[in-house]
PDB file of N, CA and C in Angstrom:
ATOM      1  N   MET A   1     247.345 104.569  80.043  1.00  0.00           N
ATOM      2  CA  MET A   1     246.647 103.542  79.285  1.00  0.00           C
ATOM      3  C   MET A   1     246.389 102.317  80.164  1.00  0.00           C
ATOM      4  N   LYS A   2     247.385 101.920  80.982  1.00  0.00           N
ATOM      5  CA  LYS A   2     247.222 100.769  81.851  1.00  0.00           C
ATOM      6  C   LYS A   2     246.144 101.033  82.898  1.00  0.00           C
ATOM      7  N   LYS A   3     246.085 102.279  83.397  1.00  0.00           N
ATOM      8  CA  LYS A   3     245.083 102.624  84.401  1.00  0.00           C
ATOM      9  C   LYS A   3     243.669 102.504  83.823  1.00  0.00           C
ATOM     10  N   LYS A   4     243.488 102.954  82.578  1.00  0.00           N
ATOM     11  CA  LYS A   4     242.173 102.870  81.951  1.00  0.00           C
ATOM     12  C   LYS A   4     241.765 101.417  81.757  1.00  0.00           C
ATOM     13  N   SER A   5     242.693 100.582  81.344  1.00  0.00           N
ATOM     14  CA  SER A   5     242.392  99.160  81.151  1.00  0.00           C
ATOM     15  C   SER A   5     242.034  98.508  82.479  1.00  0.00           C
ATOM     16  N   LEU A   6     242.794  98.827  83.518  1.00  0.00           N
ATOM     17  CA  LEU A   6     242.529  98.269  84.833  1.00  0.00           C
ATOM     18  C   LEU A   6     241.167  98.719  85.342  1.00  0.00           C
ATOM     19  N   LEU A   7     240.842  99.992  85.187  1.00  0.00           N
ATOM     20  CA  LEU A   7     239.545 100.500  85.609  1.00  0.00           C
ATOM     21  C   LEU A   7     238.408  99.836  84.832  1.00  0.00           C
ATOM     22  N   ALA A   8     238.600  99.630  83.557  1.00  0.00           N
ATOM     23  CA  ALA A   8     237.579  98.972  82.739  1.00  0.00           C
ATOM     24  C   ALA A   8     237.356  97.542  83.211  1.00  0.00           C
ATOM     25  N   MET A   9     238.441  96.823  83.514  1.00  0.00           N
ATOM     26  CA  MET A   9     238.320  95.441  83.982  1.00  0.00           C
ATOM     27  C   MET A   9     237.615  95.400  85.334  1.00  0.00           C
ATOM     28  N   VAL A  10     237.942  96.307  86.228  1.00  0.00           N
ATOM     29  CA  VAL A  10     237.296  96.358  87.542  1.00  0.00           C
ATOM     30  C   VAL A  10     235.803  96.646  87.363  1.00  0.00           C
ATOM     31  N   GLY A  11     235.473  97.542  86.476  1.00  0.00           N
ATOM     32  CA  GLY A  11     234.072  97.858  86.207  1.00  0.00           C
ATOM     33  C   GLY A  11     233.298  96.651  85.704  1.00  0.00           C
ATOM     34  N   VAL A  12     233.913  95.891  84.793  1.00  0.00           N
ATOM     35  CA  VAL A  12     233.272  94.687  84.261  1.00  0.00           C
ATOM     36  C   VAL A  12     233.063  93.661  85.372  1.00  0.00           C
ATOM     37  N   VAL A  13     234.067  93.470  86.216  1.00  0.00           N
ATOM     38  CA  VAL A  13     233.958  92.519  87.317  1.00  0.00           C
ATOM     39  C   VAL A  13     232.812  92.918  88.254  1.00  0.00           C
ATOM     40  N   ILE A  14     232.715  94.186  88.571  1.00  0.00           N
ATOM     41  CA  ILE A  14     231.640  94.668  89.454  1.00  0.00           C
ATOM     42  C   ILE A  14     230.279  94.444  88.813  1.00  0.00           C
ATOM     43  N   LEU A  15     230.134  94.767  87.535  1.00  0.00           N
ATOM     44  CA  LEU A  15     228.855  94.567  86.851  1.00  0.00           C
ATOM     45  C   LEU A  15     228.466  93.097  86.798  1.00  0.00           C
ATOM     46  N   VAL A  16     229.420  92.238  86.516  1.00  0.00           N
ATOM     47  CA  VAL A  16     229.134  90.800  86.474  1.00  0.00           C
ATOM     48  C   VAL A  16     228.726  90.301  87.850  1.00  0.00           C
ATOM     49  N   ALA A  17     229.432  90.727  88.871  1.00  0.00           N
ATOM     50  CA  ALA A  17     229.113  90.300  90.235  1.00  0.00           C
ATOM     51  C   ALA A  17     227.723  90.771  90.645  1.00  0.00           C
ATOM     52  N   CYS A  18     227.383  92.004  90.325  1.00  0.00           N
ATOM     53  CA  CYS A  18     226.056  92.518  90.672  1.00  0.00           C
ATOM     54  C   CYS A  18     224.972  91.788  89.896  1.00  0.00           C
ATOM     55  N   GLY A  19     225.196  91.549  88.636  1.00  0.00           N
ATOM     56  CA  GLY A  19     224.216  90.836  87.824  1.00  0.00           C
ATOM     57  C   GLY A  19     224.020  89.417  88.295  1.00  0.00           C
ATOM     58  N   THR A  20     225.078  88.759  88.694  1.00  0.00           N
ATOM     59  CA  THR A  20     224.985  87.385  89.181  1.00  0.00           C
ATOM     60  C   THR A  20     224.226  87.338  90.492  1.00  0.00           C
ATOM     61  N   ALA A  21     224.491  88.273  91.379  1.00  0.00           N
ATOM     62  CA  ALA A  21     223.813  88.287  92.675  1.00  0.00           C
ATOM     63  C   ALA A  21     222.316  88.523  92.496  1.00  0.00           C
ATOM     64  N   LYS A  22     221.923  89.405  91.603  1.00  0.00           N
ATOM     65  CA  LYS A  22     220.517  89.715  91.412  1.00  0.00           C
ATOM     66  C   LYS A  22     219.776  88.535  90.811  1.00  0.00           C
ATOM     67  N   ASN A  23     220.414  87.795  89.925  1.00  0.00           N
ATOM     68  CA  ASN A  23     219.742  86.708  89.242  1.00  0.00           C
ATOM     69  C   ASN A  23     219.883  85.377  89.950  1.00  0.00           C
ATOM     70  N   SER A  24     220.623  85.330  91.042  1.00  0.00           N
ATOM     71  CA  SER A  24     220.725  84.083  91.774  1.00  0.00           C
ATOM     72  C   SER A  24     219.373  83.788  92.403  1.00  0.00           C
ATOM     73  N   SER A  25     219.184  82.579  92.858  1.00  0.00           N
ATOM     74  CA  SER A  25     217.883  82.194  93.371  1.00  0.00           C
ATOM     75  C   SER A  25     217.941  81.971  94.874  1.00  0.00           C
ATOM     76  N   PRO A  26     217.895  83.065  95.646  1.00  0.00           N
ATOM     77  CA  PRO A  26     217.940  82.903  97.090  1.00  0.00           C
ATOM     78  C   PRO A  26     216.677  82.223  97.577  1.00  0.00           C
ATOM     79  N   LYS A  27     216.788  81.513  98.663  1.00  0.00           N
ATOM     80  CA  LYS A  27     215.641  80.818  99.226  1.00  0.00           C
ATOM     81  C   LYS A  27     215.179  81.534 100.480  1.00  0.00           C
ATOM     82  N   VAL A  28     213.892  81.563 100.653  1.00  0.00           N
ATOM     83  CA  VAL A  28     213.304  82.123 101.849  1.00  0.00           C
ATOM     84  C   VAL A  28     213.310  81.028 102.897  1.00  0.00           C
ATOM     85  N   GLU A  29     213.624  81.388 104.128  1.00  0.00           N
ATOM     86  CA  GLU A  29     213.749  80.402 105.196  1.00  0.00           C
ATOM     87  C   GLU A  29     212.436  79.741 105.579  1.00  0.00           C
ATOM     88  N   ALA A  30     211.331  80.455 105.476  1.00  0.00           N
ATOM     89  CA  ALA A  30     210.060  79.944 105.957  1.00  0.00           C
ATOM     90  C   ALA A  30     209.626  78.703 105.177  1.00  0.00           C
ATOM     91  N   MET A  31     209.657  77.543 105.834  1.00  0.00           N
ATOM     92  CA  MET A  31     209.236  76.294 105.216  1.00  0.00           C
ATOM     93  C   MET A  31     207.868  75.913 105.773  1.00  0.00           C
ATOM     94  N   PRO A  32     206.864  75.770 104.920  1.00  0.00           N
ATOM     95  CA  PRO A  32     205.529  75.423 105.399  1.00  0.00           C
ATOM     96  C   PRO A  32     205.482  74.044 106.051  1.00  0.00           C
ATOM     97  N   THR A  33     204.592  73.911 107.027  1.00  0.00           N
ATOM     98  CA  THR A  33     204.368  72.637 107.704  1.00  0.00           C
ATOM     99  C   THR A  33     202.867  72.359 107.737  1.00  0.00           C
ATOM    100  N   GLN A  34     202.524  71.142 108.102  1.00  0.00           N
ATOM    101  CA  GLN A  34     201.103  70.805 108.231  1.00  0.00           C
ATOM    102  C   GLN A  34     200.450  71.662 109.311  1.00  0.00           C
ATOM    103  N   GLY A  35     201.195  72.030 110.320  1.00  0.00           N
ATOM    104  CA  GLY A  35     200.670  72.920 111.354  1.00  0.00           C
ATOM    105  C   GLY A  35     200.233  74.260 110.784  1.00  0.00           C
ATOM    106  N   ASP A  36     200.982  74.772 109.790  1.00  0.00           N
ATOM    107  CA  ASP A  36     200.597  76.023 109.139  1.00  0.00           C
ATOM    108  C   ASP A  36     199.279  75.855 108.390  1.00  0.00           C
ATOM    109  N   VAL A  37     199.145  74.728 107.704  1.00  0.00           N
ATOM    110  CA  VAL A  37     197.904  74.438 106.978  1.00  0.00           C
ATOM    111  C   VAL A  37     196.735  74.380 107.955  1.00  0.00           C
ATOM    112  N   ASP A  38     196.914  73.633 109.031  1.00  0.00           N
ATOM    113  CA  ASP A  38     195.846  73.478 110.027  1.00  0.00           C
ATOM    114  C   ASP A  38     195.455  74.827 110.621  1.00  0.00           C
ATOM    115  N   ARG A  39     196.446  75.658 110.912  1.00  0.00           N
ATOM    116  CA  ARG A  39     196.211  76.970 111.522  1.00  0.00           C
ATOM    117  C   ARG A  39     195.426  77.894 110.599  1.00  0.00           C
ATOM    118  N   MET A  40     195.589  77.728 109.287  1.00  0.00           N
ATOM    119  CA  MET A  40     194.978  78.645 108.326  1.00  0.00           C
ATOM    120  C   MET A  40     193.716  78.086 107.658  1.00  0.00           C
ATOM    121  N   GLN A  41     193.250  76.909 108.077  1.00  0.00           N
ATOM    122  CA  GLN A  41     192.074  76.305 107.439  1.00  0.00           C
ATOM    123  C   GLN A  41     190.841  77.204 107.503  1.00  0.00           C
ATOM    124  N   SER A  42     190.676  77.964 108.574  1.00  0.00           N
ATOM    125  CA  SER A  42     189.497  78.843 108.656  1.00  0.00           C
ATOM    126  C   SER A  42     189.589  79.982 107.636  1.00  0.00           C
ATOM    127  N   LYS A  43     190.797  80.426 107.341  1.00  0.00           N
ATOM    128  CA  LYS A  43     190.991  81.514 106.368  1.00  0.00           C
ATOM    129  C   LYS A  43     190.997  80.971 104.937  1.00  0.00           C
ATOM    130  N   PHE A  44     191.629  79.807 104.751  1.00  0.00           N
ATOM    131  CA  PHE A  44     191.753  79.204 103.422  1.00  0.00           C
ATOM    132  C   PHE A  44     191.250  77.760 103.471  1.00  0.00           C
ATOM    133  N   PRO A  45     189.925  77.565 103.512  1.00  0.00           N
ATOM    134  CA  PRO A  45     189.393  76.199 103.599  1.00  0.00           C
ATOM    135  C   PRO A  45     189.876  75.323 102.435  1.00  0.00           C
ATOM    136  N   GLY A  46     190.269  74.114 102.761  1.00  0.00           N
ATOM    137  CA  GLY A  46     190.710  73.173 101.735  1.00  0.00           C
ATOM    138  C   GLY A  46     192.157  73.322 101.305  1.00  0.00           C
ATOM    139  N   MET A  47     192.872  74.308 101.832  1.00  0.00           N
ATOM    140  CA  MET A  47     194.277  74.491 101.470  1.00  0.00           C
ATOM    141  C   MET A  47     195.076  73.268 101.902  1.00  0.00           C
ATOM    142  N   THR A  48     196.044  72.873 101.083  1.00  0.00           N
ATOM    143  CA  THR A  48     196.880  71.714 101.394  1.00  0.00           C
ATOM    144  C   THR A  48     198.328  72.135 101.579  1.00  0.00           C
ATOM    145  N   LEU A  49     199.087  71.254 102.211  1.00  0.00           N
ATOM    146  CA  LEU A  49     200.515  71.498 102.383  1.00  0.00           C
ATOM    147  C   LEU A  49     201.207  71.563 101.029  1.00  0.00           C
ATOM    148  N   ASP A  50     200.791  70.724 100.096  1.00  0.00           N
ATOM    149  CA  ASP A  50     201.376  70.747  98.758  1.00  0.00           C
ATOM    150  C   ASP A  50     201.165  72.102  98.090  1.00  0.00           C
ATOM    151  N   GLU A  51     199.988  72.699  98.268  1.00  0.00           N
ATOM    152  CA  GLU A  51     199.734  74.026  97.695  1.00  0.00           C
ATOM    153  C   GLU A  51     200.643  75.082  98.315  1.00  0.00           C
ATOM    154  N   LEU A  52     200.891  74.970  99.612  1.00  0.00           N
ATOM    155  CA  LEU A  52     201.815  75.915 100.258  1.00  0.00           C
ATOM    156  C   LEU A  52     203.229  75.745  99.713  1.00  0.00           C
ATOM    157  N   TYR A  53     203.657  74.503  99.512  1.00  0.00           N
ATOM    158  CA  TYR A  53     204.977  74.257  98.924  1.00  0.00           C
ATOM    159  C   TYR A  53     205.044  74.848  97.513  1.00  0.00           C
ATOM    160  N   GLN A  54     203.980  74.665  96.742  1.00  0.00           N
ATOM    161  CA  GLN A  54     203.946  75.219  95.387  1.00  0.00           C
ATOM    162  C   GLN A  54     204.002  76.746  95.426  1.00  0.00           C
ATOM    163  N   GLY A  55     203.291  77.352  96.372  1.00  0.00           N
ATOM    164  CA  GLY A  55     203.332  78.804  96.518  1.00  0.00           C
ATOM    165  C   GLY A  55     204.719  79.294  96.864  1.00  0.00           C
ATOM    166  N   LYS A  56     205.405  78.565  97.743  1.00  0.00           N
ATOM    167  CA  LYS A  56     206.782  78.903  98.114  1.00  0.00           C
ATOM    168  C   LYS A  56     207.694  78.835  96.891  1.00  0.00           C
ATOM    169  N   GLN A  57     207.552  77.763  96.116  1.00  0.00           N
ATOM    170  CA  GLN A  57     208.387  77.579  94.927  1.00  0.00           C
ATOM    171  C   GLN A  57     208.124  78.684  93.907  1.00  0.00           C
ATOM    172  N   LEU A  58     206.861  79.010  93.669  1.00  0.00           N
ATOM    173  CA  LEU A  58     206.524  80.082  92.727  1.00  0.00           C
ATOM    174  C   LEU A  58     207.059  81.426  93.210  1.00  0.00           C
ATOM    175  N   PHE A  59     206.919  81.681  94.485  1.00  0.00           N
ATOM    176  CA  PHE A  59     207.423  82.917  95.088  1.00  0.00           C
ATOM    177  C   PHE A  59     208.928  83.034  94.879  1.00  0.00           C
ATOM    178  N   GLU A  60     209.645  81.977  95.221  1.00  0.00           N
ATOM    179  CA  GLU A  60     211.110  82.022  95.147  1.00  0.00           C
ATOM    180  C   GLU A  60     211.631  82.042  93.709  1.00  0.00           C
ATOM    181  N   SER A  61     210.943  81.392  92.796  1.00  0.00           N
ATOM    182  CA  SER A  61     211.466  81.322  91.433  1.00  0.00           C
ATOM    183  C   SER A  61     211.040  82.492  90.555  1.00  0.00           C
ATOM    184  N   ASN A  62     210.057  83.260  90.971  1.00  0.00           N
ATOM    185  CA  ASN A  62     209.589  84.367  90.139  1.00  0.00           C
ATOM    186  C   ASN A  62     209.806  85.743  90.743  1.00  0.00           C
ATOM    187  N   CYS A  63     209.674  85.853  92.039  1.00  0.00           N
ATOM    188  CA  CYS A  63     209.691  87.176  92.664  1.00  0.00           C
ATOM    189  C   CYS A  63     211.090  87.793  92.716  1.00  0.00           C
ATOM    190  N   ASN A  64     212.101  86.994  92.472  1.00  0.00           N
ATOM    191  CA  ASN A  64     213.447  87.551  92.464  1.00  0.00           C
ATOM    192  C   ASN A  64     213.932  87.865  91.050  1.00  0.00           C
ATOM    193  N   LEU A  65     213.054  87.799  90.073  1.00  0.00           N
ATOM    194  CA  LEU A  65     213.455  88.146  88.709  1.00  0.00           C
ATOM    195  C   LEU A  65     213.806  89.624  88.582  1.00  0.00           C
ATOM    196  N   CYS A  66     213.132  90.453  89.383  1.00  0.00           N
ATOM    197  CA  CYS A  66     213.333  91.899  89.289  1.00  0.00           C
ATOM    198  C   CYS A  66     213.898  92.528  90.555  1.00  0.00           C
ATOM    199  N   HIS A  67     213.783  91.830  91.685  1.00  0.00           N
ATOM    200  CA  HIS A  67     214.231  92.413  92.946  1.00  0.00           C
ATOM    201  C   HIS A  67     214.552  91.318  93.944  1.00  0.00           C
ATOM    202  N   LYS A  68     215.170  91.712  95.017  1.00  0.00           N
ATOM    203  CA  LYS A  68     215.494  90.795  96.105  1.00  0.00           C
ATOM    204  C   LYS A  68     214.191  90.294  96.743  1.00  0.00           C
ATOM    205  N   LEU A  69     214.174  89.034  97.155  1.00  0.00           N
ATOM    206  CA  LEU A  69     212.984  88.483  97.796  1.00  0.00           C
ATOM    207  C   LEU A  69     212.711  89.168  99.130  1.00  0.00           C
ATOM    208  N   LYS A  70     211.438  89.388  99.388  1.00  0.00           N
ATOM    209  CA  LYS A  70     211.019  89.908 100.681  1.00  0.00           C
ATOM    210  C   LYS A  70     210.635  88.733 101.568  1.00  0.00           C
ATOM    211  N   LYS A  71     210.793  88.904 102.850  1.00  0.00           N
ATOM    212  CA  LYS A  71     210.301  87.889 103.785  1.00  0.00           C
ATOM    213  C   LYS A  71     208.788  88.024 103.845  1.00  0.00           C
ATOM    214  N   PRO A  72     208.072  86.914 103.972  1.00  0.00           N
ATOM    215  CA  PRO A  72     206.615  87.001 104.063  1.00  0.00           C
ATOM    216  C   PRO A  72     206.123  87.921 105.180  1.00  0.00           C
ATOM    217  N   ALA A  73     206.848  88.014 106.276  1.00  0.00           N
ATOM    218  CA  ALA A  73     206.427  88.874 107.390  1.00  0.00           C
ATOM    219  C   ALA A  73     206.722  90.355 107.145  1.00  0.00           C
ATOM    220  N   SER A  74     207.356  90.674 106.026  1.00  0.00           N
ATOM    221  CA  SER A  74     207.726  92.072 105.780  1.00  0.00           C
ATOM    222  C   SER A  74     206.531  92.957 105.449  1.00  0.00           C
ATOM    223  N   GLU A  75     205.424  92.351 105.071  1.00  0.00           N
ATOM    224  CA  GLU A  75     204.230  93.126 104.717  1.00  0.00           C
ATOM    225  C   GLU A  75     203.012  92.521 105.410  1.00  0.00           C
ATOM    226  N   PRO A  76     202.045  93.348 105.772  1.00  0.00           N
ATOM    227  CA  PRO A  76     200.805  92.809 106.332  1.00  0.00           C
ATOM    228  C   PRO A  76     199.956  92.169 105.222  1.00  0.00           C
ATOM    229  N   GLU A  77     199.010  91.356 105.617  1.00  0.00           N
ATOM    230  CA  GLU A  77     198.147  90.662 104.660  1.00  0.00           C
ATOM    231  C   GLU A  77     197.511  91.629 103.658  1.00  0.00           C
ATOM    232  N   SER A  78     197.029  92.755 104.140  1.00  0.00           N
ATOM    233  CA  SER A  78     196.366  93.720 103.250  1.00  0.00           C
ATOM    234  C   SER A  78     197.302  94.205 102.140  1.00  0.00           C
ATOM    235  N   GLU A  79     198.572  94.380 102.469  1.00  0.00           N
ATOM    236  CA  GLU A  79     199.546  94.818 101.452  1.00  0.00           C
ATOM    237  C   GLU A  79     199.846  93.698 100.456  1.00  0.00           C
ATOM    238  N   TRP A  80     200.020  92.467 100.961  1.00  0.00           N
ATOM    239  CA  TRP A  80     200.281  91.331 100.059  1.00  0.00           C
ATOM    240  C   TRP A  80     199.152  91.178  99.050  1.00  0.00           C
ATOM    241  N   LYS A  81     197.909  91.437  99.478  1.00  0.00           N
ATOM    242  CA  LYS A  81     196.763  91.301  98.575  1.00  0.00           C
ATOM    243  C   LYS A  81     196.825  92.310  97.431  1.00  0.00           C
ATOM    244  N   GLU A  82     197.542  93.391  97.615  1.00  0.00           N
ATOM    245  CA  GLU A  82     197.749  94.374  96.546  1.00  0.00           C
ATOM    246  C   GLU A  82     199.037  94.099  95.781  1.00  0.00           C
ATOM    247  N   ILE A  83     200.084  93.718  96.500  1.00  0.00           N
ATOM    248  CA  ILE A  83     201.403  93.517  95.892  1.00  0.00           C
ATOM    249  C   ILE A  83     201.421  92.318  94.954  1.00  0.00           C
ATOM    250  N   VAL A  84     200.911  91.169  95.419  1.00  0.00           N
ATOM    251  CA  VAL A  84     201.027  89.932  94.631  1.00  0.00           C
ATOM    252  C   VAL A  84     200.378  90.066  93.248  1.00  0.00           C
ATOM    253  N   PRO A  85     199.138  90.513  93.119  1.00  0.00           N
ATOM    254  CA  PRO A  85     198.575  90.643  91.765  1.00  0.00           C
ATOM    255  C   PRO A  85     199.360  91.604  90.870  1.00  0.00           C
ATOM    256  N   ARG A  86     199.836  92.697  91.460  1.00  0.00           N
ATOM    257  CA  ARG A  86     200.611  93.679  90.680  1.00  0.00           C
ATOM    258  C   ARG A  86     201.926  93.072  90.185  1.00  0.00           C
ATOM    259  N   MET A  87     202.597  92.318  91.059  1.00  0.00           N
ATOM    260  CA  MET A  87     203.875  91.718  90.683  1.00  0.00           C
ATOM    261  C   MET A  87     203.689  90.541  89.706  1.00  0.00           C
ATOM    262  N   VAL A  88     202.604  89.785  89.870  1.00  0.00           N
ATOM    263  CA  VAL A  88     202.325  88.699  88.921  1.00  0.00           C
ATOM    264  C   VAL A  88     202.133  89.278  87.525  1.00  0.00           C
ATOM    265  N   LYS A  89     201.455  90.394  87.446  1.00  0.00           N
ATOM    266  CA  LYS A  89     201.256  91.064  86.148  1.00  0.00           C
ATOM    267  C   LYS A  89     202.611  91.433  85.530  1.00  0.00           C
ATOM    268  N   LYS A  90     203.528  91.927  86.355  1.00  0.00           N
ATOM    269  CA  LYS A  90     204.861  92.281  85.850  1.00  0.00           C
ATOM    270  C   LYS A  90     205.630  91.039  85.393  1.00  0.00           C
ATOM    271  N   VAL A  91     205.573  89.973  86.200  1.00  0.00           N
ATOM    272  CA  VAL A  91     206.259  88.727  85.819  1.00  0.00           C
ATOM    273  C   VAL A  91     205.694  88.206  84.505  1.00  0.00           C
ATOM    274  N   ASN A  92     204.380  88.246  84.370  1.00  0.00           N
ATOM    275  CA  ASN A  92     203.739  87.733  83.158  1.00  0.00           C
ATOM    276  C   ASN A  92     204.075  88.548  81.919  1.00  0.00           C
ATOM    277  N   SER A  93     204.571  89.767  82.096  1.00  0.00           N
ATOM    278  CA  SER A  93     204.975  90.576  80.953  1.00  0.00           C
ATOM    279  C   SER A  93     206.368  90.195  80.449  1.00  0.00           C
ATOM    280  N   LYS A  94     207.074  89.369  81.213  1.00  0.00           N
ATOM    281  CA  LYS A  94     208.410  88.916  80.811  1.00  0.00           C
ATOM    282  C   LYS A  94     208.273  87.684  79.932  1.00  0.00           C
ATOM    283  N   GLU A  95     209.023  87.666  78.864  1.00  0.00           N
ATOM    284  CA  GLU A  95     208.964  86.536  77.937  1.00  0.00           C
ATOM    285  C   GLU A  95     209.365  85.241  78.641  1.00  0.00           C
ATOM    286  N   GLY A  96     208.573  84.204  78.431  1.00  0.00           N
ATOM    287  CA  GLY A  96     208.881  82.894  78.992  1.00  0.00           C
ATOM    288  C   GLY A  96     208.378  82.683  80.403  1.00  0.00           C
ATOM    289  N   HIS A  97     207.653  83.648  80.963  1.00  0.00           N
ATOM    290  CA  HIS A  97     207.151  83.530  82.326  1.00  0.00           C
ATOM    291  C   HIS A  97     205.639  83.729  82.332  1.00  0.00           C
ATOM    292  N   HIS A  98     204.944  82.849  83.044  1.00  0.00           N
ATOM    293  CA  HIS A  98     203.502  83.005  83.185  1.00  0.00           C
ATOM    294  C   HIS A  98     203.034  82.364  84.484  1.00  0.00           C
ATOM    295  N   ILE A  99     202.361  83.152  85.280  1.00  0.00           N
ATOM    296  CA  ILE A  99     201.731  82.663  86.503  1.00  0.00           C
ATOM    297  C   ILE A  99     200.238  82.832  86.303  1.00  0.00           C
ATOM    298  N   ASP A 100     199.492  81.727  86.367  1.00  0.00           N
ATOM    299  CA  ASP A 100     198.043  81.813  86.197  1.00  0.00           C
ATOM    300  C   ASP A 100     197.382  82.220  87.514  1.00  0.00           C
ATOM    301  N   GLU A 101     196.052  82.337  87.498  1.00  0.00           N
ATOM    302  CA  GLU A 101     195.328  82.775  88.703  1.00  0.00           C
ATOM    303  C   GLU A 101     195.533  81.813  89.868  1.00  0.00           C
ATOM    304  N   ALA A 102     195.572  80.517  89.567  1.00  0.00           N
ATOM    305  CA  ALA A 102     195.787  79.532  90.636  1.00  0.00           C
ATOM    306  C   ALA A 102     197.174  79.704  91.247  1.00  0.00           C
ATOM    307  N   GLY A 103     198.168  79.964  90.418  1.00  0.00           N
ATOM    308  CA  GLY A 103     199.528  80.198  90.910  1.00  0.00           C
ATOM    309  C   GLY A 103     199.607  81.460  91.739  1.00  0.00           C
ATOM    310  N   GLN A 104     198.926  82.504  91.280  1.00  0.00           N
ATOM    311  CA  GLN A 104     198.890  83.757  92.037  1.00  0.00           C
ATOM    312  C   GLN A 104     198.283  83.517  93.410  1.00  0.00           C
ATOM    313  N   GLU A 105     197.207  82.748  93.476  1.00  0.00           N
ATOM    314  CA  GLU A 105     196.551  82.456  94.752  1.00  0.00           C
ATOM    315  C   GLU A 105     197.480  81.648  95.664  1.00  0.00           C
ATOM    316  N   LYS A 106     198.249  80.730  95.095  1.00  0.00           N
ATOM    317  CA  LYS A 106     199.188  79.929  95.895  1.00  0.00           C
ATOM    318  C   LYS A 106     200.280  80.820  96.496  1.00  0.00           C
ATOM    319  N   ILE A 107     200.781  81.758  95.711  1.00  0.00           N
ATOM    320  CA  ILE A 107     201.784  82.700  96.233  1.00  0.00           C
ATOM    321  C   ILE A 107     201.174  83.518  97.362  1.00  0.00           C
ATOM    322  N   LEU A 108     199.988  84.040  97.134  1.00  0.00           N
ATOM    323  CA  LEU A 108     199.323  84.872  98.133  1.00  0.00           C
ATOM    324  C   LEU A 108     199.093  84.085  99.423  1.00  0.00           C
ATOM    325  N   ARG A 109     198.608  82.861  99.309  1.00  0.00           N
ATOM    326  CA  ARG A 109     198.376  82.044 100.499  1.00  0.00           C
ATOM    327  C   ARG A 109     199.684  81.734 101.223  1.00  0.00           C
ATOM    328  N   TYR A 110     200.743  81.502 100.448  1.00  0.00           N
ATOM    329  CA  TYR A 110     202.053  81.224 101.058  1.00  0.00           C
ATOM    330  C   TYR A 110     202.537  82.422 101.871  1.00  0.00           C
ATOM    331  N   VAL A 111     202.549  83.618 101.270  1.00  0.00           N
ATOM    332  CA  VAL A 111     203.103  84.775 101.991  1.00  0.00           C
ATOM    333  C   VAL A 111     202.238  85.165 103.186  1.00  0.00           C
ATOM    334  N   ILE A 112     200.919  85.035 103.047  1.00  0.00           N
ATOM    335  CA  ILE A 112     200.043  85.360 104.178  1.00  0.00           C
ATOM    336  C   ILE A 112     200.234  84.347 105.300  1.00  0.00           C
ATOM    337  N   THR A 113     200.244  83.077 104.944  1.00  0.00           N
ATOM    338  CA  THR A 113     200.406  82.021 105.961  1.00  0.00           C
ATOM    339  C   THR A 113     201.754  82.117 106.664  1.00  0.00           C
ATOM    340  N   MET A 114     202.809  82.202 105.900  1.00  0.00           N
ATOM    341  CA  MET A 114     204.142  82.201 106.492  1.00  0.00           C
ATOM    342  C   MET A 114     204.477  83.537 107.133  1.00  0.00           C
ATOM    343  N   GLY A 115     203.888  84.614 106.655  1.00  0.00           N
ATOM    344  CA  GLY A 115     204.094  85.907 107.285  1.00  0.00           C
ATOM    345  C   GLY A 115     203.508  85.951 108.674  1.00  0.00           C
ATOM    346  N   SER A 116     202.387  85.294 108.859  1.00  0.00           N
ATOM    347  CA  SER A 116     201.779  85.286 110.180  1.00  0.00           C
ATOM    348  C   SER A 116     202.568  84.399 111.144  1.00  0.00           C
ATOM    349  N   VAL A 117     203.267  83.386 110.637  1.00  0.00           N
ATOM    350  CA  VAL A 117     204.119  82.528 111.481  1.00  0.00           C
ATOM    351  C   VAL A 117     205.329  83.320 111.980  1.00  0.00           C
ATOM    352  N   GLU A 118     205.970  84.046 111.074  1.00  0.00           N
ATOM    353  CA  GLU A 118     207.185  84.790 111.420  1.00  0.00           C
ATOM    354  C   GLU A 118     206.906  85.884 112.442  1.00  0.00           C
ATOM    355  N   LYS A 119     205.698  86.432 112.439  1.00  0.00           N
ATOM    356  CA  LYS A 119     205.365  87.507 113.366  1.00  0.00           C
ATOM    357  C   LYS A 119     204.989  86.989 114.741  1.00  0.00           C
ATOM    358  N   SER A 120     204.648  85.707 114.839  1.00  0.00           N
ATOM    359  CA  SER A 120     204.227  85.145 116.126  1.00  0.00           C
ATOM    360  C   SER A 120     205.390  85.013 117.086  1.00  0.00           C
TER     361      SER A 120
END
């Protein structure tokens, strides 16, 4: 009887620890700079540093709802262009979460911009 109770308690501790780790809000190291904005002006005319910061914040606060955050350099631009809209749709299906088209574009610009920095 004591063994079953101990095993049950260990199981609960493991489940709580795993659930806490998944729902924690890890931060991605890539911090946008004005140099990143300047470098990407030909690709994203009119993009601002504030928009990159907003994209980073949206990425970090939403993309870890279902899975561990990926580094922006983990996927090529072509893949991000497919992944981000698909994942935004999934996030938007969760109660209390909504990313509009402008937010989706900010996330996409963030991962493309910062992914190209990490690969350099």
